Amino acid sequence: MPQLDTSTWLLVILSMLLSLFALLQLKISKHLYYPDPKATIKPQKQQTPWNITWTKIYLPLSRSQ
């Protein structure tokens, strides 16, 4: 039974890893990343009726002593 020649496997595996790394780097470098929406949008203050006018808060009537 002939023996399997494994002398070139290291070279094949290393070249495969190098080419996969290069392809991955090219793919990532062409990817378009959008900016963070929290950084670009300024928070707007909500206009609610209780922010516009003053309201009186009445305390309950104090009990006579």
C-alpha atoms as a PDB file:
ATOM      1  CA  MET A   1       0.000   0.000   0.000  1.00  0.00           C
ATOM      2  CA  PRO A   2       1.587   3.304  -1.042  1.00  0.00           C
ATOM      3  CA  GLN A   3       2.188   5.955   1.542  1.00  0.00           C
ATOM      4  CA  LEU A   4       0.445   9.336   1.267  1.00  0.00           C
ATOM      5  CA  ASP A   5       2.857  12.155   0.451  1.00  0.00           C
ATOM      6  CA  THR A   6       2.205  14.945   2.975  1.00  0.00           C
ATOM      7  CA  SER A   7       5.313  17.026   2.300  1.00  0.00           C
ATOM      8  CA  THR A   8       3.403  19.749   0.428  1.00  0.00           C
ATOM      9  CA  TRP A   9       0.457  20.010   2.799  1.00  0.00           C
ATOM     10  CA  LEU A  10       2.075  22.697   4.933  1.00  0.00           C
ATOM     11  CA  LEU A  11       2.649  24.879   1.882  1.00  0.00           C
ATOM     12  CA  VAL A  12      -0.923  24.326   0.652  1.00  0.00           C
ATOM     13  CA  ILE A  13      -2.460  25.114   4.044  1.00  0.00           C
ATOM     14  CA  LEU A  14      -0.348  28.236   4.566  1.00  0.00           C
ATOM     15  CA  SER A  15      -1.104  29.583   1.088  1.00  0.00           C
ATOM     16  CA  MET A  16      -4.814  28.872   1.610  1.00  0.00           C
ATOM     17  CA  LEU A  17      -4.817  30.763   4.921  1.00  0.00           C
ATOM     18  CA  LEU A  18      -2.959  33.683   3.355  1.00  0.00           C
ATOM     19  CA  SER A  19      -5.383  33.916   0.439  1.00  0.00           C
ATOM     20  CA  LEU A  20      -8.422  33.645   2.742  1.00  0.00           C
ATOM     21  CA  PHE A  21      -7.000  36.416   4.920  1.00  0.00           C
ATOM     22  CA  ALA A  22      -6.427  38.641   1.861  1.00  0.00           C
ATOM     23  CA  LEU A  23      -9.931  37.995   0.531  1.00  0.00           C
ATOM     24  CA  LEU A  24     -11.483  38.718   3.905  1.00  0.00           C
ATOM     25  CA  GLN A  25      -9.525  41.961   4.230  1.00  0.00           C
ATOM     26  CA  LEU A  26     -10.661  43.082   0.778  1.00  0.00           C
ATOM     27  CA  LYS A  27     -14.264  42.246   1.574  1.00  0.00           C
ATOM     28  CA  ILE A  28     -14.185  44.104   4.888  1.00  0.00           C
ATOM     29  CA  SER A  29     -12.446  47.154   3.408  1.00  0.00           C
ATOM     30  CA  LYS A  30     -15.186  47.551   0.768  1.00  0.00           C
ATOM     31  CA  HIS A  31     -17.977  47.258   3.330  1.00  0.00           C
ATOM     32  CA  LEU A  32     -19.850  50.510   3.911  1.00  0.00           C
ATOM     33  CA  TYR A  33     -20.335  51.250   7.581  1.00  0.00           C
ATOM     34  CA  TYR A  34     -23.087  53.711   8.398  1.00  0.00           C
ATOM     35  CA  PRO A  35     -22.461  56.275  11.137  1.00  0.00           C
ATOM     36  CA  ASP A  36     -24.031  55.798  14.546  1.00  0.00           C
ATOM     37  CA  PRO A  37     -27.521  57.370  14.410  1.00  0.00           C
ATOM     38  CA  LYS A  38     -27.301  58.457  18.054  1.00  0.00           C
ATOM     39  CA  ALA A  39     -24.307  60.670  17.267  1.00  0.00           C
ATOM     40  CA  THR A  40     -25.891  62.420  14.267  1.00  0.00           C
ATOM     41  CA  ILE A  41     -29.422  63.069  15.545  1.00  0.00           C
ATOM     42  CA  LYS A  42     -29.758  65.726  18.214  1.00  0.00           C
ATOM     43  CA  PRO A  43     -32.417  64.888  20.772  1.00  0.00           C
ATOM     44  CA  GLN A  44     -35.372  67.221  20.498  1.00  0.00           C
ATOM     45  CA  LYS A  45     -37.251  68.255  23.597  1.00  0.00           C
ATOM     46  CA  GLN A  46     -40.864  67.173  23.507  1.00  0.00           C
ATOM     47  CA  GLN A  47     -43.378  69.992  23.767  1.00  0.00           C
ATOM     48  CA  THR A  48     -46.072  68.896  26.170  1.00  0.00           C
ATOM     49  CA  PRO A  49     -48.910  71.028  27.573  1.00  0.00           C
ATOM     50  CA  TRP A  50     -47.517  70.864  31.097  1.00  0.00           C
ATOM     51  CA  ASN A  51     -44.160  72.222  29.929  1.00  0.00           C
ATOM     52  CA  ILE A  52     -45.757  75.278  28.353  1.00  0.00           C
ATOM     53  CA  THR A  53     -47.981  76.508  31.210  1.00  0.00           C
ATOM     54  CA  TRP A  54     -47.621  76.570  34.939  1.00  0.00           C
ATOM     55  CA  THR A  55     -49.979  74.390  36.882  1.00  0.00           C
ATOM     56  CA  LYS A  56     -51.029  74.827  40.474  1.00  0.00           C
ATOM     57  CA  ILE A  57     -50.864  71.842  42.729  1.00  0.00           C
ATOM     58  CA  TYR A  58     -53.410  72.116  45.513  1.00  0.00           C
ATOM     59  CA  LEU A  59     -52.666  70.415  48.783  1.00  0.00           C
ATOM     60  CA  PRO A  60     -55.526  68.642  50.478  1.00  0.00           C
ATOM     61  CA  LEU A  61     -57.296  70.746  53.077  1.00  0.00           C
ATOM     62  CA  SER A  62     -55.608  70.538  56.419  1.00  0.00           C
ATOM     63  CA  ARG A  63     -57.738  69.094  59.172  1.00  0.00           C
ATOM     64  CA  SER A  64     -58.771  71.408  61.965  1.00  0.00           C
ATOM     65  CA  GLN A  65     -57.138  70.627  65.260  1.00  0.00           C
END
